[in-house]
Amino acid sequence: MNSTHEGKTDGLAEELGYDNRALDVLQAHYEALIADGTLQGASYLIARKGKVIARRALGRLNHQENSPELMPDSIRKAYSITKAFTAVAIGQLIDRGLLHLHQSAASILPEMDTSKHREITIFHLLTHTSGLRGDPGFHNEPYPLPWFERIIREYCNDQQGISWIQTILAGPLQTMPGKEWIYSTSGYALLGAIISKVTGKPYETYIREEILEPLGMERSFFAVPEALWGEVCVTQEWDREALQFSIKPREEAPPRSGNGLYSSLDDLWKFGQMMLNGGHLDGKRILSPRAVELLTSNHMKGIAHNGWGNELANYSFGLGWSLEHYDLCSQGTFSHEGFGHSGLYIDPAEELVFVFFVPSFKGFTNESVLMPRAIVWSGLLAKTEARKSSNPLLSVTPAEAGYEPESLLRLEEHFDRLIGAELVQCGSYLLSRDGEIFATGAMGPLRHNDPAGKLEVNSIRRIASITKLFTAAAVFQLIEQGKLFLRQPVAEWIPEFKHPLYEKITIMQLLNHTSGLPADGGYYQEPYPAGWWAVMFAYLPETEGPWAVTDPEELEKQRRSAWIRAMLGGKPLSRPGEEWSYSSAGYAILGELIARASGKPYEQYILEHIAEPLGMTRTFFDVPQELQDEVCLVADNEYERLIGERKDKAYSPPPSGGGLYSTLPDLFRFGQMLLNGGSLDGVKILSRKSIERMSANSLEPGIFAFDWGGRCESKIYGIGPTLAGAGEWLPEGSFCHEGAGRSKLVVDPQHNAVMIYFVPSNKDWSPETVIGTLNIMGAGWR
């Protein structure tokens, strides 16, 4: 293994609000990719608040066996990050009154003054909505033609013919301008020509004089000097040839405005820091603040993106910058990547700049480009110190917590009424503020067949779908470790999903119930609810008769996948991402993903990585026999579930949608961890960025939900939690999860509060027990 080279940093990571452990995870991630041959090397720079936290490089400088080692200041082709420089140059010319955004490109380039191209504007070229031909492979065509590279080669070799602009414009437009996002390097070549025409300078000269030199980007070039070729990272012979091409005369060749810049980590950081600063760096103004705002605002409302296998009805893109809300990145993050080998990410909310080079002859991989982002953002520490929660129960009074004691009396009376009306068997609650529990209560019988036993605050109860919050937390842990990412297709982990009906379902869509997988029984108020599990027997392999599976390996494979195939046995309820349908089936799949990504059974993972570190000593999937008398039960079938382990666990779905048992105090610890931004009593479970992502709305406007008859025309939902909505006495920003209408965990950041209640019942869901209880609890804050 090649050694790691560390450059100078500007201070301790912790002083800049960053967790050093994330750097260790990132380092190990890149080391593993180099070891397995995915990458030749990796280098990265992370800066926060204008100071460098990490500046590292590992692996080889070139593809040869005797290669020198990659260094933090090695030069590497930035590929399409060049487009961000082109966009900034256009912004400068708009600042100077030499262009305007919606100006026709034909007003500058006469070759575009045709009936097909006259409507194309500078805006269309910047946003990839010109309708010009997309880059090779954009449409997943089986035999992509690298036509643009051929044009460059021809003109670098001084071959004559029609102008390169005419060659780019040949043939029909893919769409009318402004209708669809089609990634087009040729459009950026035209922007380079526009810059040259307007300024009277070659594009490359303009960029050097107006951006590179003012920013002190001394190791950034379009034509790398021969004296520095030995410091340039290359992955194949074509890279060496490109260096030679870069210094040839180019009077008639296309400008290198789409992918021609070579740069270094530090130089790209300077460029990114300039953008983060609102257009200036070290006293040099490159862009106006308004231009930076314009370049990094979304201009794609209602514009579709159907490239590289994506089907996005509403894509986010600025003027030359991608604005997609990736994994843990903050809303407002803007970025550009380069041919799967480089990236520049700028997060204004966190004052963070991340630059990376991941040289490889294999091209784009999720592991090298997408997954490291979440690792980097997971290192951002909570903005305020997490409050401890190890205080004993009732350590403060309601009045000291800013809560009306009268509301607690109303809550107790409410539970008395519910029990008296036989809407619930019993009820219990816990309220906390600032990590201090100030109110608890429990009343009613512990068991349906034993009125003498009384429910206690610490009684154990099956929390049903609140389990889904634990599952979501586990998925985000694995995202932070670089093992999963939100938009990852499930088919990459579970081969049964490799079918046209299911191959586009992502982890994100499982988490927010938009996968189209079967909804829970009764969700559509169907008269005879049935679940997919009822037909699982039909998917079990035959062991006798003419259709018997005799190969032991195949038999085991079919037994383990029977429940997955049963789940996928019908037509999806909707296309992925189009409709919200509450699906425990999707969470069963998430449990399987957790097991496969972590190498541990789902239940073991949850207990070892969440429950035990949080000190949740009375939380189980299988309640120990000595504690079973302390479990609240409302029906005989609950007793049967309690005492009988799931049959053939290896062949059953993981209980990731509703299998946990817990207590009010244990759930308080979990809820307080979420409220604290991912940690409790010094133990970090999740990053602050994961909590922010989980608890923000993840649905596009207009997502329909039948919602058990509620018919919501524009549903809001987090990535795991339910978000506070109309009709609930909770402030905006609160998030929660309910468990089969019999339990609820609420996290209220505005009041810095956690509220939990159990209302065990063998009756159907009722608004009095669920919404009424919550409204009484929420109304008590002063």
Foldseek 3Di string as FASTA:
>chain_A
DWDKAWDDWDDAQVVLQFFCVLVVLLVVLQVVCCVVAVFQKKWKWKDFPRTTHTTMIAHFQEADPPGDTAGQFFKEFQFQVLLVLLLLLVQVCVVVVLDDFQAFLCVQVVLQPDPQRRRQTNVLLLQQQSLFDAAFCFAPDVDTDRVLVVLQVCQLVVHDDDAPLNVRVPDHGNDHGPAAHGHHLVSQLSSQVSSCRSVVHRSQVCSCVQPCVVLVQPFKHLAHPPVSPSRYRYYDVVVVVSNVSSPGDRPRGGGCSRGRMMGGNVSLVSVLLCLLVQADDPPRGRHHSVSSVQQQFFPFAQHFRCTPNDTRRTAGHGRSWGQDPWFLADRSKTWDHRQQAWIWIARNVRSMIMIMGGHHPVTHDCLSPRLSVLSRNQRRAFPDFAFAQPDDAQPDACVVLQFFVVLVVVLVVLQVVCCVVQVFQWKKKWKDFSNHTRDIDIAGALEQVDRVHGADQFFKEFQFQVLLLLLLLLVSVCSNSSLFTFQDFLCVPPVVQPDVQRRRQGNLLLLQQQRLFDAAFLQLPDVDTDDLVVCLVVQQAACDDPRHDDDVVVNLVSLQCSSVCSRVVDGGNDHGQQAHGHHLVSQLSSQVVSCRSVVHRSQVCSCVQPQVVLVQPQKHLAGDPVSPVRYRYYDPVVVVPRVDDDPPVSRDRRSSRTRMMGGNVSVSSVLSCLLSQADHPPRGRTHNSSSVQQQFWDHDAQHWYCRSVPTDRGATHGSRWRFDDPLALADGSKTKDHRQLFKIWIQHNVRNMIMIMGRHHPDHHDCSSRRVSRRSVSVGRD
